[in-house]
Amino acid sequence: MKILFFGKLAERAGRVVEHPVDAAGCTIAELRRSLAATLPEIADTLGQSSTRACVDQEMVGDDASVRPGQEVAFLPPLSGG
């Protein structure tokens, strides 16, 4: 599955990561845990409730299901002036 990261997640892990997902799929919460285990450099940011998930360019909650072939993106909170 193609995972896109933005902001500080992309700075630490790269903009695009391929991550295996079972054919049955998983929830966003399960995907967050799996990514955090394989990419510890982003585990803290990925685990924050303010880091939003999108599936096929639509914002979703942690209970949303994802399947192989879908595009998932994680967007950390933005700050600026």
PDB file of N, CA and C in Angstrom:
ATOM      1  N   MET A   1       0.844  -1.163   0.000  1.00  0.00           N
ATOM      2  CA  MET A   1       0.000   0.000   0.000  1.00  0.00           C
ATOM      3  C   MET A   1       0.894   1.232   0.000  1.00  0.00           C
ATOM      4  N   LYS A   2       0.500   2.226  -0.784  1.00  0.00           N
ATOM      5  CA  LYS A   2       1.258   3.475  -0.823  1.00  0.00           C
ATOM      6  C   LYS A   2       0.765   4.392   0.284  1.00  0.00           C
ATOM      7  N   ILE A   3       1.709   4.842   1.133  1.00  0.00           N
ATOM      8  CA  ILE A   3       1.414   5.755   2.224  1.00  0.00           C
ATOM      9  C   ILE A   3       2.119   7.069   1.917  1.00  0.00           C
ATOM     10  N   LEU A   4       1.381   8.165   1.960  1.00  0.00           N
ATOM     11  CA  LEU A   4       1.947   9.492   1.749  1.00  0.00           C
ATOM     12  C   LEU A   4       2.057  10.204   3.086  1.00  0.00           C
ATOM     13  N   PHE A   5       3.183  10.855   3.297  1.00  0.00           N
ATOM     14  CA  PHE A   5       3.386  11.641   4.505  1.00  0.00           C
ATOM     15  C   PHE A   5       3.600  13.094   4.114  1.00  0.00           C
ATOM     16  N   PHE A   6       3.135  13.990   4.961  1.00  0.00           N
ATOM     17  CA  PHE A   6       3.289  15.418   4.739  1.00  0.00           C
ATOM     18  C   PHE A   6       3.912  16.066   5.961  1.00  0.00           C
ATOM     19  N   GLY A   7       4.426  17.278   5.795  1.00  0.00           N
ATOM     20  CA  GLY A   7       4.995  18.040   6.901  1.00  0.00           C
ATOM     21  C   GLY A   7       6.162  17.332   7.549  1.00  0.00           C
ATOM     22  N   LYS A   8       6.185  17.394   8.888  1.00  0.00           N
ATOM     23  CA  LYS A   8       7.330  16.808   9.607  1.00  0.00           C
ATOM     24  C   LYS A   8       7.392  15.295   9.470  1.00  0.00           C
ATOM     25  N   LEU A   9       6.274  14.646   9.165  1.00  0.00           N
ATOM     26  CA  LEU A   9       6.318  13.206   8.907  1.00  0.00           C
ATOM     27  C   LEU A   9       7.155  12.928   7.661  1.00  0.00           C
ATOM     28  N   ALA A  10       6.953  13.708   6.615  1.00  0.00           N
ATOM     29  CA  ALA A  10       7.713  13.535   5.369  1.00  0.00           C
ATOM     30  C   ALA A  10       9.185  13.856   5.577  1.00  0.00           C
ATOM     31  N   GLU A  11       9.459  14.857   6.401  1.00  0.00           N
ATOM     32  CA  GLU A  11      10.860  15.213   6.684  1.00  0.00           C
ATOM     33  C   GLU A  11      11.600  14.070   7.362  1.00  0.00           C
ATOM     34  N   ARG A  12      10.917  13.327   8.211  1.00  0.00           N
ATOM     35  CA  ARG A  12      11.558  12.253   8.979  1.00  0.00           C
ATOM     36  C   ARG A  12      11.545  10.904   8.268  1.00  0.00           C
ATOM     37  N   ALA A  13      10.458  10.589   7.545  1.00  0.00           N
ATOM     38  CA  ALA A  13      10.308   9.243   6.977  1.00  0.00           C
ATOM     39  C   ALA A  13      10.341   9.201   5.454  1.00  0.00           C
ATOM     40  N   GLY A  14      10.245  10.368   4.821  1.00  0.00           N
ATOM     41  CA  GLY A  14      10.154  10.409   3.367  1.00  0.00           C
ATOM     42  C   GLY A  14       8.718  10.690   2.953  1.00  0.00           C
ATOM     43  N   ARG A  15       8.553  11.175   1.763  1.00  0.00           N
ATOM     44  CA  ARG A  15       7.228  11.591   1.280  1.00  0.00           C
ATOM     45  C   ARG A  15       6.317  10.403   0.971  1.00  0.00           C
ATOM     46  N   VAL A  16       6.871   9.343   0.392  1.00  0.00           N
ATOM     47  CA  VAL A  16       6.079   8.176   0.010  1.00  0.00           C
ATOM     48  C   VAL A  16       6.753   6.918   0.547  1.00  0.00           C
ATOM     49  N   VAL A  17       5.964   6.057   1.165  1.00  0.00           N
ATOM     50  CA  VAL A  17       6.461   4.799   1.725  1.00  0.00           C
ATOM     51  C   VAL A  17       5.532   3.684   1.263  1.00  0.00           C
ATOM     52  N   GLU A  18       6.096   2.571   0.856  1.00  0.00           N
ATOM     53  CA  GLU A  18       5.296   1.375   0.569  1.00  0.00           C
ATOM     54  C   GLU A  18       5.230   0.565   1.858  1.00  0.00           C
ATOM     55  N   HIS A  19       4.029   0.155   2.241  1.00  0.00           N
ATOM     56  CA  HIS A  19       3.845  -0.582   3.491  1.00  0.00           C
ATOM     57  C   HIS A  19       2.900  -1.752   3.231  1.00  0.00           C
ATOM     58  N   PRO A  20       3.270  -2.949   3.633  1.00  0.00           N
ATOM     59  CA  PRO A  20       2.402  -4.106   3.377  1.00  0.00           C
ATOM     60  C   PRO A  20       1.134  -4.073   4.226  1.00  0.00           C
ATOM     61  N   VAL A  21       0.031  -4.470   3.598  1.00  0.00           N
ATOM     62  CA  VAL A  21      -1.257  -4.589   4.285  1.00  0.00           C
ATOM     63  C   VAL A  21      -1.887  -5.886   3.809  1.00  0.00           C
ATOM     64  N   ASP A  22      -2.447  -6.651   4.742  1.00  0.00           N
ATOM     65  CA  ASP A  22      -3.127  -7.902   4.377  1.00  0.00           C
ATOM     66  C   ASP A  22      -4.237  -7.639   3.373  1.00  0.00           C
ATOM     67  N   ALA A  23      -4.560  -8.638   2.587  1.00  0.00           N
ATOM     68  CA  ALA A  23      -5.625  -8.523   1.590  1.00  0.00           C
ATOM     69  C   ALA A  23      -6.962  -8.167   2.236  1.00  0.00           C
ATOM     70  N   ALA A  24      -7.158  -8.579   3.474  1.00  0.00           N
ATOM     71  CA  ALA A  24      -8.397  -8.270   4.193  1.00  0.00           C
ATOM     72  C   ALA A  24      -8.461  -6.816   4.628  1.00  0.00           C
ATOM     73  N   GLY A  25      -7.325  -6.136   4.604  1.00  0.00           N
ATOM     74  CA  GLY A  25      -7.271  -4.738   5.005  1.00  0.00           C
ATOM     75  C   GLY A  25      -7.077  -4.567   6.502  1.00  0.00           C
ATOM     76  N   CYS A  26      -7.223  -3.344   6.949  1.00  0.00           N
ATOM     77  CA  CYS A  26      -7.063  -3.011   8.360  1.00  0.00           C
ATOM     78  C   CYS A  26      -7.738  -1.664   8.604  1.00  0.00           C
ATOM     79  N   THR A  27      -7.771  -1.254   9.858  1.00  0.00           N
ATOM     80  CA  THR A  27      -8.293   0.073  10.172  1.00  0.00           C
ATOM     81  C   THR A  27      -7.135   1.069  10.157  1.00  0.00           C
ATOM     82  N   ILE A  28      -7.472   2.327  10.124  1.00  0.00           N
ATOM     83  CA  ILE A  28      -6.441   3.368  10.192  1.00  0.00           C
ATOM     84  C   ILE A  28      -5.677   3.248  11.513  1.00  0.00           C
ATOM     85  N   ALA A  29      -6.363   2.949  12.603  1.00  0.00           N
ATOM     86  CA  ALA A  29      -5.695   2.788  13.900  1.00  0.00           C
ATOM     87  C   ALA A  29      -4.663   1.666  13.840  1.00  0.00           C
ATOM     88  N   GLU A  30      -5.024   0.550  13.233  1.00  0.00           N
ATOM     89  CA  GLU A  30      -4.083  -0.571  13.103  1.00  0.00           C
ATOM     90  C   GLU A  30      -2.916  -0.180  12.196  1.00  0.00           C
ATOM     91  N   LEU A  31      -3.204   0.549  11.139  1.00  0.00           N
ATOM     92  CA  LEU A  31      -2.143   0.997  10.237  1.00  0.00           C
ATOM     93  C   LEU A  31      -1.196   1.947  10.952  1.00  0.00           C
ATOM     94  N   ARG A  32      -1.720   2.854  11.754  1.00  0.00           N
ATOM     95  CA  ARG A  32      -0.861   3.762  12.538  1.00  0.00           C
ATOM     96  C   ARG A  32       0.104   2.962  13.424  1.00  0.00           C
ATOM     97  N   ARG A  33      -0.434   1.949  14.126  1.00  0.00           N
ATOM     98  CA  ARG A  33       0.412   1.144  15.024  1.00  0.00           C
ATOM     99  C   ARG A  33       1.490   0.396  14.236  1.00  0.00           C
ATOM    100  N   SER A  34       1.116  -0.173  13.099  1.00  0.00           N
ATOM    101  CA  SER A  34       2.062  -0.906  12.273  1.00  0.00           C
ATOM    102  C   SER A  34       3.145   0.021  11.730  1.00  0.00           C
ATOM    103  N   LEU A  35       2.753   1.185  11.259  1.00  0.00           N
ATOM    104  CA  LEU A  35       3.737   2.153  10.762  1.00  0.00           C
ATOM    105  C   LEU A  35       4.657   2.634  11.874  1.00  0.00           C
ATOM    106  N   ALA A  36       4.103   2.885  13.049  1.00  0.00           N
ATOM    107  CA  ALA A  36       4.914   3.340  14.181  1.00  0.00           C
ATOM    108  C   ALA A  36       5.956   2.291  14.572  1.00  0.00           C
ATOM    109  N   ALA A  37       5.591   1.020  14.463  1.00  0.00           N
ATOM    110  CA  ALA A  37       6.535  -0.051  14.797  1.00  0.00           C
ATOM    111  C   ALA A  37       7.672  -0.149  13.779  1.00  0.00           C
ATOM    112  N   THR A  38       7.366   0.120  12.507  1.00  0.00           N
ATOM    113  CA  THR A  38       8.400   0.001  11.478  1.00  0.00           C
ATOM    114  C   THR A  38       9.125   1.314  11.210  1.00  0.00           C
ATOM    115  N   LEU A  39       8.532   2.425  11.623  1.00  0.00           N
ATOM    116  CA  LEU A  39       9.144   3.742  11.429  1.00  0.00           C
ATOM    117  C   LEU A  39       9.151   4.504  12.759  1.00  0.00           C
ATOM    118  N   PRO A  40      10.002   4.080  13.705  1.00  0.00           N
ATOM    119  CA  PRO A  40       9.979   4.694  15.037  1.00  0.00           C
ATOM    120  C   PRO A  40      10.281   6.189  15.028  1.00  0.00           C
ATOM    121  N   GLU A  41      10.927   6.686  13.977  1.00  0.00           N
ATOM    122  CA  GLU A  41      11.253   8.107  13.906  1.00  0.00           C
ATOM    123  C   GLU A  41      10.011   8.999  13.758  1.00  0.00           C
ATOM    124  N   ILE A  42       8.881   8.417  13.409  1.00  0.00           N
ATOM    125  CA  ILE A  42       7.645   9.194  13.300  1.00  0.00           C
ATOM    126  C   ILE A  42       6.559   8.716  14.258  1.00  0.00           C
ATOM    127  N   ALA A  43       6.872   7.756  15.104  1.00  0.00           N
ATOM    128  CA  ALA A  43       5.865   7.159  15.987  1.00  0.00           C
ATOM    129  C   ALA A  43       5.170   8.194  16.856  1.00  0.00           C
ATOM    130  N   ASP A  44       5.920   9.149  17.398  1.00  0.00           N
ATOM    131  CA  ASP A  44       5.316  10.145  18.284  1.00  0.00           C
ATOM    132  C   ASP A  44       4.299  11.016  17.548  1.00  0.00           C
ATOM    133  N   THR A  45       4.657  11.506  16.383  1.00  0.00           N
ATOM    134  CA  THR A  45       3.754  12.363  15.609  1.00  0.00           C
ATOM    135  C   THR A  45       2.587  11.566  15.041  1.00  0.00           C
ATOM    136  N   LEU A  46       2.862  10.379  14.555  1.00  0.00           N
ATOM    137  CA  LEU A  46       1.822   9.537  13.965  1.00  0.00           C
ATOM    138  C   LEU A  46       0.758   9.155  14.992  1.00  0.00           C
ATOM    139  N   GLY A  47       1.163   9.017  16.245  1.00  0.00           N
ATOM    140  CA  GLY A  47       0.235   8.628  17.298  1.00  0.00           C
ATOM    141  C   GLY A  47      -0.615   9.752  17.855  1.00  0.00           C
ATOM    142  N   GLN A  48      -0.334  10.982  17.473  1.00  0.00           N
ATOM    143  CA  GLN A  48      -1.106  12.117  17.979  1.00  0.00           C
ATOM    144  C   GLN A  48      -2.491  12.156  17.338  1.00  0.00           C
ATOM    145  N   SER A  49      -3.496  12.456  18.140  1.00  0.00           N
ATOM    146  CA  SER A  49      -4.854  12.534  17.599  1.00  0.00           C
ATOM    147  C   SER A  49      -5.002  13.681  16.611  1.00  0.00           C
ATOM    148  N   SER A  50      -4.121  14.674  16.684  1.00  0.00           N
ATOM    149  CA  SER A  50      -4.184  15.802  15.756  1.00  0.00           C
ATOM    150  C   SER A  50      -3.586  15.478  14.385  1.00  0.00           C
ATOM    151  N   THR A  51      -2.909  14.329  14.259  1.00  0.00           N
ATOM    152  CA  THR A  51      -2.416  13.889  12.950  1.00  0.00           C
ATOM    153  C   THR A  51      -3.575  13.213  12.239  1.00  0.00           C
ATOM    154  N   ARG A  52      -4.004  13.810  11.142  1.00  0.00           N
ATOM    155  CA  ARG A  52      -5.184  13.348  10.414  1.00  0.00           C
ATOM    156  C   ARG A  52      -4.812  12.328   9.346  1.00  0.00           C
ATOM    157  N   ALA A  53      -5.755  11.448   9.053  1.00  0.00           N
ATOM    158  CA  ALA A  53      -5.575  10.441   8.013  1.00  0.00           C
ATOM    159  C   ALA A  53      -6.563  10.702   6.881  1.00  0.00           C
ATOM    160  N   CYS A  54      -6.108  10.437   5.658  1.00  0.00           N
ATOM    161  CA  CYS A  54      -6.966  10.525   4.472  1.00  0.00           C
ATOM    162  C   CYS A  54      -6.859   9.202   3.720  1.00  0.00           C
ATOM    163  N   VAL A  55      -7.971   8.742   3.214  1.00  0.00           N
ATOM    164  CA  VAL A  55      -7.997   7.557   2.353  1.00  0.00           C
ATOM    165  C   VAL A  55      -8.587   7.995   1.026  1.00  0.00           C
ATOM    166  N   ASP A  56      -7.823   7.784  -0.032  1.00  0.00           N
ATOM    167  CA  ASP A  56      -8.238   8.209  -1.368  1.00  0.00           C
ATOM    168  C   ASP A  56      -8.709   9.664  -1.362  1.00  0.00           C
ATOM    169  N   GLN A  57      -7.916  10.514  -0.703  1.00  0.00           N
ATOM    170  CA  GLN A  57      -8.096  11.966  -0.650  1.00  0.00           C
ATOM    171  C   GLN A  57      -9.332  12.418   0.127  1.00  0.00           C
ATOM    172  N   GLU A  58      -9.809  11.574   1.049  1.00  0.00           N
ATOM    173  CA  GLU A  58     -10.937  11.938   1.900  1.00  0.00           C
ATOM    174  C   GLU A  58     -10.540  11.719   3.356  1.00  0.00           C
ATOM    175  N   MET A  59     -10.732  12.752   4.208  1.00  0.00           N
ATOM    176  CA  MET A  59     -10.392  12.626   5.623  1.00  0.00           C
ATOM    177  C   MET A  59     -11.262  11.564   6.274  1.00  0.00           C
ATOM    178  N   VAL A  60     -10.606  10.729   7.089  1.00  0.00           N
ATOM    179  CA  VAL A  60     -11.313   9.640   7.764  1.00  0.00           C
ATOM    180  C   VAL A  60     -10.861   9.546   9.213  1.00  0.00           C
ATOM    181  N   GLY A  61     -11.636   8.838  10.007  1.00  0.00           N
ATOM    182  CA  GLY A  61     -11.282   8.584  11.397  1.00  0.00           C
ATOM    183  C   GLY A  61     -10.479   7.301  11.531  1.00  0.00           C
ATOM    184  N   ASP A  62     -10.024   7.030  12.735  1.00  0.00           N
ATOM    185  CA  ASP A  62      -9.196   5.850  12.987  1.00  0.00           C
ATOM    186  C   ASP A  62      -9.940   4.538  12.811  1.00  0.00           C
ATOM    187  N   ASP A  63     -11.259   4.569  12.817  1.00  0.00           N
ATOM    188  CA  ASP A  63     -12.027   3.337  12.646  1.00  0.00           C
ATOM    189  C   ASP A  63     -12.297   3.011  11.173  1.00  0.00           C
ATOM    190  N   ALA A  64     -11.872   3.880  10.267  1.00  0.00           N
ATOM    191  CA  ALA A  64     -12.076   3.641   8.832  1.00  0.00           C
ATOM    192  C   ALA A  64     -11.242   2.448   8.371  1.00  0.00           C
ATOM    193  N   SER A  65     -11.793   1.680   7.450  1.00  0.00           N
ATOM    194  CA  SER A  65     -11.082   0.522   6.885  1.00  0.00           C
ATOM    195  C   SER A  65     -10.321   0.930   5.637  1.00  0.00           C
ATOM    196  N   VAL A  66      -9.160   0.310   5.462  1.00  0.00           N
ATOM    197  CA  VAL A  66      -8.369   0.501   4.244  1.00  0.00           C
ATOM    198  C   VAL A  66      -7.970  -0.859   3.703  1.00  0.00           C
ATOM    199  N   ARG A  67      -7.848  -0.923   2.394  1.00  0.00           N
ATOM    200  CA  ARG A  67      -7.476  -2.172   1.715  1.00  0.00           C
ATOM    201  C   ARG A  67      -6.326  -1.901   0.764  1.00  0.00           C
ATOM    202  N   PRO A  68      -5.592  -2.940   0.408  1.00  0.00           N
ATOM    203  CA  PRO A  68      -4.508  -2.762  -0.557  1.00  0.00           C
ATOM    204  C   PRO A  68      -5.037  -2.084  -1.820  1.00  0.00           C
ATOM    205  N   GLY A  69      -4.208  -1.206  -2.373  1.00  0.00           N
ATOM    206  CA  GLY A  69      -4.578  -0.488  -3.585  1.00  0.00           C
ATOM    207  C   GLY A  69      -5.124   0.899  -3.308  1.00  0.00           C
ATOM    208  N   GLN A  70      -5.525   1.146  -2.065  1.00  0.00           N
ATOM    209  CA  GLN A  70      -5.988   2.482  -1.725  1.00  0.00           C
ATOM    210  C   GLN A  70      -4.789   3.358  -1.360  1.00  0.00           C
ATOM    211  N   GLU A  71      -4.966   4.655  -1.515  1.00  0.00           N
ATOM    212  CA  GLU A  71      -3.925   5.605  -1.138  1.00  0.00           C
ATOM    213  C   GLU A  71      -4.255   6.172   0.233  1.00  0.00           C
ATOM    214  N   VAL A  72      -3.296   6.120   1.132  1.00  0.00           N
ATOM    215  CA  VAL A  72      -3.475   6.649   2.478  1.00  0.00           C
ATOM    216  C   VAL A  72      -2.457   7.762   2.685  1.00  0.00           C
ATOM    217  N   ALA A  73      -2.917   8.861   3.271  1.00  0.00           N
ATOM    218  CA  ALA A  73      -2.029   9.984   3.580  1.00  0.00           C
ATOM    219  C   ALA A  73      -2.205  10.360   5.048  1.00  0.00           C
ATOM    220  N   PHE A  74      -1.104  10.779   5.660  1.00  0.00           N
ATOM    221  CA  PHE A  74      -1.130  11.276   7.033  1.00  0.00           C
ATOM    222  C   PHE A  74      -0.630  12.706   7.042  1.00  0.00           C
ATOM    223  N   LEU A  75      -1.415  13.575   7.686  1.00  0.00           N
ATOM    224  CA  LEU A  75      -1.115  15.003   7.736  1.00  0.00           C
ATOM    225  C   LEU A  75      -0.974  15.444   9.195  1.00  0.00           C
ATOM    226  N   PRO A  76       0.219  15.818   9.602  1.00  0.00           N
ATOM    227  CA  PRO A  76       0.389  16.293  10.966  1.00  0.00           C
ATOM    228  C   PRO A  76      -0.217  17.683  11.116  1.00  0.00           C
ATOM    229  N   PRO A  77      -0.416  18.140  12.360  1.00  0.00           N
ATOM    230  CA  PRO A  77      -0.943  19.486  12.533  1.00  0.00           C
ATOM    231  C   PRO A  77       0.021  20.511  11.958  1.00  0.00           C
ATOM    232  N   LEU A  78      -0.534  21.561  11.388  1.00  0.00           N
ATOM    233  CA  LEU A  78       0.286  22.606  10.791  1.00  0.00           C
ATOM    234  C   LEU A  78       0.387  23.774  11.752  1.00  0.00           C
ATOM    235  N   SER A  79       1.511  24.445  11.711  1.00  0.00           N
ATOM    236  CA  SER A  79       1.677  25.662  12.481  1.00  0.00           C
ATOM    237  C   SER A  79       2.366  26.687  11.603  1.00  0.00           C
ATOM    238  N   GLY A  80       2.253  27.877  11.970  1.00  0.00           N
ATOM    239  CA  GLY A  80       2.893  28.926  11.179  1.00  0.00           C
ATOM    240  C   GLY A  80       2.354  30.278  11.550  1.00  0.00           C
ATOM    241  N   GLY A  81       2.826  31.266  10.830  1.00  0.00           N
ATOM    242  CA  GLY A  81       2.420  32.619  11.171  1.00  0.00           C
ATOM    243  C   GLY A  81       1.684  33.294  10.075  1.00  0.00           C
TER     244      GLY A  81
END
